[in-house]
Amino acid sequence: TLSQWVTVATGQTAPNGTANSTKITIDVDGIG
């Protein structure tokens, strides 16, 4: 199930301060 490995959040502020950015987090090892 892809959604158990990948989460996506929009409307985020990037590390450099840019608003309205998208953050995609991948659980690489699959253990949480």
Full PDB file with SEQRES, HELIX, SHEET, SSBOND, CRYST1, ORIGX, SCALE, CONECT and MASTER records, all heavy atoms in Angstrom:
SEQRES   1 A   32  THR LEU SER GLN TRP VAL THR VAL ALA THR GLY GLN THR          
SEQRES   2 A   32  ALA PRO ASN GLY THR ALA ASN SER THR LYS ILE THR ILE          
SEQRES   3 A   32  ASP VAL ASP GLY ILE GLY                                      
HELIX    1 AA1 LEU A    2  GLN A    4  5                                   3    
SHEET    1 AA1 2 VAL A   6  GLN A  12  0                                        
SHEET    2 AA1 2 SER A  21  ILE A  26 -1                                        
CRYST1    1.000    1.000    1.000  90.00  90.00  90.00 P 1           1          
ORIGX1      1.000000  0.000000  0.000000        0.00000                         
ORIGX2      0.000000  1.000000  0.000000        0.00000                         
ORIGX3      0.000000  0.000000  1.000000        0.00000                         
SCALE1      1.000000  0.000000  0.000000        0.00000                         
SCALE2      0.000000  1.000000  0.000000        0.00000                         
SCALE3      0.000000  0.000000  1.000000        0.00000                         
ATOM      1  N   THR A   1       0.849  -1.189   0.000  1.00  0.00           N  
ATOM      2  CA  THR A   1       0.000   0.000   0.000  1.00  0.00           C  
ATOM      3  C   THR A   1       0.884   1.238   0.000  1.00  0.00           C  
ATOM      4  O   THR A   1       1.568   1.515   0.991  1.00  0.00           O  
ATOM      5  CB  THR A   1      -0.927   0.005   1.232  1.00  0.00           C  
ATOM      6  OG1 THR A   1      -1.688  -1.206   1.215  1.00  0.00           O  
ATOM      7  CG2 THR A   1      -1.854   1.196   1.226  1.00  0.00           C  
ATOM      8  N   LEU A   2       0.890   1.968  -1.105  1.00  0.00           N  
ATOM      9  CA  LEU A   2       1.794   3.101  -1.287  1.00  0.00           C  
ATOM     10  C   LEU A   2       1.642   4.151  -0.180  1.00  0.00           C  
ATOM     11  O   LEU A   2       2.638   4.713   0.284  1.00  0.00           O  
ATOM     12  CB  LEU A   2       1.570   3.736  -2.658  1.00  0.00           C  
ATOM     13  CG  LEU A   2       2.556   4.817  -3.083  1.00  0.00           C  
ATOM     14  CD1 LEU A   2       3.993   4.291  -3.088  1.00  0.00           C  
ATOM     15  CD2 LEU A   2       2.183   5.363  -4.447  1.00  0.00           C  
ATOM     16  N   SER A   3       0.424   4.380   0.283  1.00  0.00           N  
ATOM     17  CA  SER A   3       0.210   5.413   1.309  1.00  0.00           C  
ATOM     18  C   SER A   3       0.811   5.040   2.663  1.00  0.00           C  
ATOM     19  O   SER A   3       0.950   5.892   3.532  1.00  0.00           O  
ATOM     20  CB  SER A   3      -1.279   5.708   1.465  1.00  0.00           C  
ATOM     21  OG  SER A   3      -1.977   4.551   1.873  1.00  0.00           O  
ATOM     22  N   GLN A   4       1.187   3.784   2.848  1.00  0.00           N  
ATOM     23  CA  GLN A   4       1.878   3.399   4.074  1.00  0.00           C  
ATOM     24  C   GLN A   4       3.369   3.712   4.002  1.00  0.00           C  
ATOM     25  O   GLN A   4       4.065   3.673   5.006  1.00  0.00           O  
ATOM     26  CB  GLN A   4       1.668   1.912   4.360  1.00  0.00           C  
ATOM     27  CG  GLN A   4       0.241   1.598   4.730  1.00  0.00           C  
ATOM     28  CD  GLN A   4       0.009   0.123   4.969  1.00  0.00           C  
ATOM     29  OE1 GLN A   4       0.780  -0.737   4.553  1.00  0.00           O  
ATOM     30  NE2 GLN A   4      -1.078  -0.184   5.635  1.00  0.00           N  
ATOM     31  N   TRP A   5       3.850   4.015   2.819  1.00  0.00           N  
ATOM     32  CA  TRP A   5       5.265   4.311   2.602  1.00  0.00           C  
ATOM     33  C   TRP A   5       5.516   5.792   2.291  1.00  0.00           C  
ATOM     34  O   TRP A   5       6.599   6.306   2.549  1.00  0.00           O  
ATOM     35  CB  TRP A   5       5.798   3.486   1.438  1.00  0.00           C  
ATOM     36  CG  TRP A   5       5.752   2.019   1.666  1.00  0.00           C  
ATOM     37  CD1 TRP A   5       4.638   1.211   1.634  1.00  0.00           C  
ATOM     38  CD2 TRP A   5       6.832   1.162   1.979  1.00  0.00           C  
ATOM     39  NE1 TRP A   5       4.986  -0.082   1.898  1.00  0.00           N  
ATOM     40  CE2 TRP A   5       6.335  -0.152   2.108  1.00  0.00           C  
ATOM     41  CE3 TRP A   5       8.188   1.365   2.156  1.00  0.00           C  
ATOM     42  CZ2 TRP A   5       7.134  -1.229   2.406  1.00  0.00           C  
ATOM     43  CZ3 TRP A   5       8.986   0.290   2.443  1.00  0.00           C  
ATOM     44  CH2 TRP A   5       8.463  -0.999   2.576  1.00  0.00           C  
ATOM     45  N   VAL A   6       4.503   6.454   1.726  1.00  0.00           N  
ATOM     46  CA  VAL A   6       4.676   7.826   1.238  1.00  0.00           C  
ATOM     47  C   VAL A   6       3.574   8.720   1.809  1.00  0.00           C  
ATOM     48  O   VAL A   6       2.392   8.376   1.730  1.00  0.00           O  
ATOM     49  CB  VAL A   6       4.614   7.873  -0.308  1.00  0.00           C  
ATOM     50  CG1 VAL A   6       4.765   9.306  -0.816  1.00  0.00           C  
ATOM     51  CG2 VAL A   6       5.675   6.973  -0.929  1.00  0.00           C  
ATOM     52  N   THR A   7       3.977   9.859   2.378  1.00  0.00           N  
ATOM     53  CA  THR A   7       3.012  10.864   2.814  1.00  0.00           C  
ATOM     54  C   THR A   7       3.297  12.173   2.084  1.00  0.00           C  
ATOM     55  O   THR A   7       4.461  12.507   1.817  1.00  0.00           O  
ATOM     56  CB  THR A   7       3.046  11.096   4.332  1.00  0.00           C  
ATOM     57  OG1 THR A   7       4.375  11.484   4.715  1.00  0.00           O  
ATOM     58  CG2 THR A   7       2.641   9.860   5.093  1.00  0.00           C  
ATOM     59  N   VAL A   8       2.232  12.885   1.776  1.00  0.00           N  
ATOM     60  CA  VAL A   8       2.339  14.135   1.026  1.00  0.00           C  
ATOM     61  C   VAL A   8       1.556  15.207   1.763  1.00  0.00           C  
ATOM     62  O   VAL A   8       0.408  14.989   2.153  1.00  0.00           O  
ATOM     63  CB  VAL A   8       1.781  13.967  -0.410  1.00  0.00           C  
ATOM     64  CG1 VAL A   8       1.911  15.271  -1.193  1.00  0.00           C  
ATOM     65  CG2 VAL A   8       2.479  12.822  -1.140  1.00  0.00           C  
ATOM     66  N   ALA A   9       2.180  16.357   1.955  1.00  0.00           N  
ATOM     67  CA  ALA A   9       1.508  17.488   2.601  1.00  0.00           C  
ATOM     68  C   ALA A   9       1.741  18.738   1.756  1.00  0.00           C  
ATOM     69  O   ALA A   9       2.878  19.066   1.419  1.00  0.00           O  
ATOM     70  CB  ALA A   9       2.050  17.689   4.013  1.00  0.00           C  
ATOM     71  N   THR A  10       0.655  19.422   1.412  1.00  0.00           N  
ATOM     72  CA  THR A  10       0.757  20.661   0.643  1.00  0.00           C  
ATOM     73  C   THR A  10       0.562  21.851   1.573  1.00  0.00           C  
ATOM     74  O   THR A  10       0.177  21.706   2.730  1.00  0.00           O  
ATOM     75  CB  THR A  10      -0.285  20.692  -0.485  1.00  0.00           C  
ATOM     76  OG1 THR A  10      -1.587  20.562   0.083  1.00  0.00           O  
ATOM     77  CG2 THR A  10      -0.050  19.582  -1.491  1.00  0.00           C  
ATOM     78  N   GLY A  11       0.852  23.038   1.063  1.00  0.00           N  
ATOM     79  CA  GLY A  11       0.689  24.247   1.856  1.00  0.00           C  
ATOM     80  C   GLY A  11       1.695  24.365   2.983  1.00  0.00           C  
ATOM     81  O   GLY A  11       1.439  25.032   3.985  1.00  0.00           O  
ATOM     82  N   GLN A  12       2.833  23.748   2.820  1.00  0.00           N  
ATOM     83  CA  GLN A  12       3.878  23.735   3.845  1.00  0.00           C  
ATOM     84  C   GLN A  12       4.903  24.835   3.587  1.00  0.00           C  
ATOM     85  O   GLN A  12       5.005  25.354   2.480  1.00  0.00           O  
ATOM     86  CB  GLN A  12       4.589  22.382   3.841  1.00  0.00           C  
ATOM     87  CG  GLN A  12       3.664  21.200   4.020  1.00  0.00           C  
ATOM     88  CD  GLN A  12       3.032  21.183   5.389  1.00  0.00           C  
ATOM     89  OE1 GLN A  12       3.724  21.132   6.399  1.00  0.00           O  
ATOM     90  NE2 GLN A  12       1.714  21.231   5.426  1.00  0.00           N  
ATOM     91  N   THR A  13       5.675  25.152   4.601  1.00  0.00           N  
ATOM     92  CA  THR A  13       6.783  26.095   4.441  1.00  0.00           C  
ATOM     93  C   THR A  13       8.073  25.297   4.350  1.00  0.00           C  
ATOM     94  O   THR A  13       8.424  24.557   5.274  1.00  0.00           O  
ATOM     95  CB  THR A  13       6.845  27.084   5.621  1.00  0.00           C  
ATOM     96  OG1 THR A  13       5.609  27.804   5.670  1.00  0.00           O  
ATOM     97  CG2 THR A  13       8.000  28.063   5.451  1.00  0.00           C  
ATOM     98  N   ALA A  14       8.751  25.426   3.221  1.00  0.00           N  
ATOM     99  CA  ALA A  14      10.007  24.703   2.981  1.00  0.00           C  
ATOM    100  C   ALA A  14      11.086  25.172   3.944  1.00  0.00           C  
ATOM    101  O   ALA A  14      10.983  26.262   4.526  1.00  0.00           O  
ATOM    102  CB  ALA A  14      10.449  24.905   1.530  1.00  0.00           C  
ATOM    103  N   PRO A  15      12.140  24.364   4.126  1.00  0.00           N  
ATOM    104  CA  PRO A  15      13.213  24.738   5.055  1.00  0.00           C  
ATOM    105  C   PRO A  15      13.827  26.109   4.792  1.00  0.00           C  
ATOM    106  O   PRO A  15      14.304  26.761   5.709  1.00  0.00           O  
ATOM    107  CB  PRO A  15      14.251  23.628   4.855  1.00  0.00           C  
ATOM    108  CG  PRO A  15      13.454  22.457   4.422  1.00  0.00           C  
ATOM    109  CD  PRO A  15      12.355  23.033   3.564  1.00  0.00           C  
ATOM    110  N   ASN A  16      13.794  26.558   3.545  1.00  0.00           N  
ATOM    111  CA  ASN A  16      14.378  27.868   3.235  1.00  0.00           C  
ATOM    112  C   ASN A  16      13.376  29.007   3.414  1.00  0.00           C  
ATOM    113  O   ASN A  16      13.668  30.142   3.095  1.00  0.00           O  
ATOM    114  CB  ASN A  16      14.925  27.878   1.811  1.00  0.00           C  
ATOM    115  CG  ASN A  16      13.833  27.675   0.782  1.00  0.00           C  
ATOM    116  OD1 ASN A  16      12.664  27.510   1.113  1.00  0.00           O  
ATOM    117  ND2 ASN A  16      14.214  27.674  -0.476  1.00  0.00           N  
ATOM    118  N   GLY A  17      12.147  28.680   3.893  1.00  0.00           N  
ATOM    119  CA  GLY A  17      11.151  29.702   4.169  1.00  0.00           C  
ATOM    120  C   GLY A  17      10.132  29.927   3.071  1.00  0.00           C  
ATOM    121  O   GLY A  17       9.260  30.776   3.219  1.00  0.00           O  
ATOM    122  N   THR A  18      10.225  29.191   1.967  1.00  0.00           N  
ATOM    123  CA  THR A  18       9.273  29.366   0.876  1.00  0.00           C  
ATOM    124  C   THR A  18       7.922  28.754   1.253  1.00  0.00           C  
ATOM    125  O   THR A  18       7.824  27.560   1.518  1.00  0.00           O  
ATOM    126  CB  THR A  18       9.780  28.709  -0.427  1.00  0.00           C  
ATOM    127  OG1 THR A  18      11.030  29.299  -0.779  1.00  0.00           O  
ATOM    128  CG2 THR A  18       8.806  28.905  -1.565  1.00  0.00           C  
ATOM    129  N   ALA A  19       6.896  29.601   1.272  1.00  0.00           N  
ATOM    130  CA  ALA A  19       5.547  29.143   1.616  1.00  0.00           C  
ATOM    131  C   ALA A  19       4.921  28.398   0.441  1.00  0.00           C  
ATOM    132  O   ALA A  19       5.438  28.425  -0.683  1.00  0.00           O  
ATOM    133  CB  ALA A  19       4.684  30.338   1.990  1.00  0.00           C  
ATOM    134  N   ASN A  20       3.789  27.755   0.711  1.00  0.00           N  
ATOM    135  CA  ASN A  20       3.023  27.035  -0.310  1.00  0.00           C  
ATOM    136  C   ASN A  20       3.872  26.020  -1.051  1.00  0.00           C  
ATOM    137  O   ASN A  20       3.864  25.955  -2.281  1.00  0.00           O  
ATOM    138  CB  ASN A  20       2.357  28.011  -1.278  1.00  0.00           C  
ATOM    139  CG  ASN A  20       1.303  28.832  -0.581  1.00  0.00           C  
ATOM    140  OD1 ASN A  20       0.538  28.307   0.220  1.00  0.00           O  
ATOM    141  ND2 ASN A  20       1.281  30.113  -0.851  1.00  0.00           N  
ATOM    142  N   SER A  21       4.611  25.240  -0.305  1.00  0.00           N  
ATOM    143  CA  SER A  21       5.445  24.184  -0.860  1.00  0.00           C  
ATOM    144  C   SER A  21       4.837  22.833  -0.510  1.00  0.00           C  
ATOM    145  O   SER A  21       3.965  22.730   0.351  1.00  0.00           O  
ATOM    146  CB  SER A  21       6.868  24.281  -0.297  1.00  0.00           C  
ATOM    147  OG  SER A  21       7.478  25.501  -0.679  1.00  0.00           O  
ATOM    148  N   THR A  22       5.294  21.794  -1.195  1.00  0.00           N  
ATOM    149  CA  THR A  22       4.824  20.435  -0.933  1.00  0.00           C  
ATOM    150  C   THR A  22       5.952  19.643  -0.294  1.00  0.00           C  
ATOM    151  O   THR A  22       7.094  19.696  -0.752  1.00  0.00           O  
ATOM    152  CB  THR A  22       4.369  19.745  -2.232  1.00  0.00           C  
ATOM    153  OG1 THR A  22       3.240  20.456  -2.755  1.00  0.00           O  
ATOM    154  CG2 THR A  22       3.973  18.298  -1.993  1.00  0.00           C  
ATOM    155  N   LYS A  23       5.602  18.898   0.748  1.00  0.00           N  
ATOM    156  CA  LYS A  23       6.556  18.042   1.451  1.00  0.00           C  
ATOM    157  C   LYS A  23       6.156  16.587   1.222  1.00  0.00           C  
ATOM    158  O   LYS A  23       5.046  16.172   1.567  1.00  0.00           O  
ATOM    159  CB  LYS A  23       6.537  18.357   2.950  1.00  0.00           C  
ATOM    160  CG  LYS A  23       7.468  17.500   3.777  1.00  0.00           C  
ATOM    161  CD  LYS A  23       7.331  17.849   5.260  1.00  0.00           C  
ATOM    162  CE  LYS A  23       8.259  17.009   6.115  1.00  0.00           C  
ATOM    163  NZ  LYS A  23       8.070  17.320   7.549  1.00  0.00           N  
ATOM    164  N   ILE A  24       7.071  15.810   0.650  1.00  0.00           N  
ATOM    165  CA  ILE A  24       6.840  14.387   0.402  1.00  0.00           C  
ATOM    166  C   ILE A  24       7.836  13.616   1.258  1.00  0.00           C  
ATOM    167  O   ILE A  24       9.042  13.846   1.170  1.00  0.00           O  
ATOM    168  CB  ILE A  24       7.043  14.042  -1.084  1.00  0.00           C  
ATOM    169  CG1 ILE A  24       6.089  14.877  -1.941  1.00  0.00           C  
ATOM    170  CG2 ILE A  24       6.846  12.547  -1.324  1.00  0.00           C  
ATOM    171  CD1 ILE A  24       6.378  14.820  -3.418  1.00  0.00           C  
ATOM    172  N   THR A  25       7.318  12.736   2.106  1.00  0.00           N  
ATOM    173  CA  THR A  25       8.176  11.952   2.990  1.00  0.00           C  
ATOM    174  C   THR A  25       8.037  10.485   2.631  1.00  0.00           C  
ATOM    175  O   THR A  25       6.931   9.958   2.572  1.00  0.00           O  
ATOM    176  CB  THR A  25       7.805  12.178   4.464  1.00  0.00           C  
ATOM    177  OG1 THR A  25       7.840  13.582   4.741  1.00  0.00           O  
ATOM    178  CG2 THR A  25       8.778  11.456   5.388  1.00  0.00           C  
ATOM    179  N   ILE A  26       9.173   9.835   2.400  1.00  0.00           N  
ATOM    180  CA  ILE A  26       9.206   8.418   2.053  1.00  0.00           C  
ATOM    181  C   ILE A  26       9.835   7.648   3.204  1.00  0.00           C  
ATOM    182  O   ILE A  26      10.936   7.976   3.654  1.00  0.00           O  
ATOM    183  CB  ILE A  26      10.012   8.165   0.753  1.00  0.00           C  
ATOM    184  CG1 ILE A  26       9.360   8.905  -0.417  1.00  0.00           C  
ATOM    185  CG2 ILE A  26      10.100   6.682   0.436  1.00  0.00           C  
ATOM    186  CD1 ILE A  26      10.083  10.130  -0.824  1.00  0.00           C  
ATOM    187  N   ASP A  27       9.110   6.638   3.683  1.00  0.00           N  
ATOM    188  CA  ASP A  27       9.618   5.730   4.719  1.00  0.00           C  
ATOM    189  C   ASP A  27      10.446   4.670   3.989  1.00  0.00           C  
ATOM    190  O   ASP A  27       9.916   3.681   3.507  1.00  0.00           O  
ATOM    191  CB  ASP A  27       8.452   5.105   5.473  1.00  0.00           C  
ATOM    192  CG  ASP A  27       8.897   4.083   6.500  1.00  0.00           C  
ATOM    193  OD1 ASP A  27      10.101   3.985   6.785  1.00  0.00           O  
ATOM    194  OD2 ASP A  27       8.021   3.367   7.019  1.00  0.00           O  
ATOM    195  N   VAL A  28      11.731   4.893   3.894  1.00  0.00           N  
ATOM    196  CA  VAL A  28      12.598   4.077   3.038  1.00  0.00           C  
ATOM    197  C   VAL A  28      12.708   2.633   3.506  1.00  0.00           C  
ATOM    198  O   VAL A  28      12.674   1.698   2.711  1.00  0.00           O  
ATOM    199  CB  VAL A  28      13.996   4.722   2.914  1.00  0.00           C  
ATOM    200  CG1 VAL A  28      14.933   3.841   2.105  1.00  0.00           C  
ATOM    201  CG2 VAL A  28      13.882   6.099   2.288  1.00  0.00           C  
ATOM    202  N   ASP A  29      12.841   2.425   4.816  1.00  0.00           N  
ATOM    203  CA  ASP A  29      13.039   1.055   5.282  1.00  0.00           C  
ATOM    204  C   ASP A  29      11.738   0.322   5.584  1.00  0.00           C  
ATOM    205  O   ASP A  29      11.742  -0.869   5.879  1.00  0.00           O  
ATOM    206  CB  ASP A  29      13.969   1.005   6.497  1.00  0.00           C  
ATOM    207  CG  ASP A  29      13.439   1.761   7.692  1.00  0.00           C  
ATOM    208  OD1 ASP A  29      12.291   2.247   7.647  1.00  0.00           O  
ATOM    209  OD2 ASP A  29      14.179   1.871   8.680  1.00  0.00           O  
ATOM    210  N   GLY A  30      10.623   1.040   5.517  1.00  0.00           N  
ATOM    211  CA  GLY A  30       9.331   0.400   5.675  1.00  0.00           C  
ATOM    212  C   GLY A  30       8.951   0.002   7.083  1.00  0.00           C  
ATOM    213  O   GLY A  30       7.993  -0.731   7.281  1.00  0.00           O  
ATOM    214  N   ILE A  31       9.693   0.503   8.082  1.00  0.00           N  
ATOM    215  CA  ILE A  31       9.363   0.076   9.449  1.00  0.00           C  
ATOM    216  C   ILE A  31       8.800   1.205  10.297  1.00  0.00           C  
ATOM    217  O   ILE A  31       8.733   1.091  11.506  1.00  0.00           O  
ATOM    218  CB  ILE A  31      10.567  -0.589  10.155  1.00  0.00           C  
ATOM    219  CG1 ILE A  31      11.760   0.347  10.261  1.00  0.00           C  
ATOM    220  CG2 ILE A  31      10.942  -1.875   9.469  1.00  0.00           C  
ATOM    221  CD1 ILE A  31      12.904  -0.213  11.095  1.00  0.00           C  
ATOM    222  N   GLY A  32       8.390   2.279   9.661  1.00  0.00           N  
ATOM    223  CA  GLY A  32       7.693   3.318  10.397  1.00  0.00           C  
ATOM    224  C   GLY A  32       8.448   4.617  10.511  1.00  0.00           C  
ATOM    225  O   GLY A  32       9.623   4.726  10.155  1.00  0.00           O  
TER     226      GLY A  32                                                      
MASTER        0    0    0    1    2    0    0    6  225    1    0    3          
END                                                                             
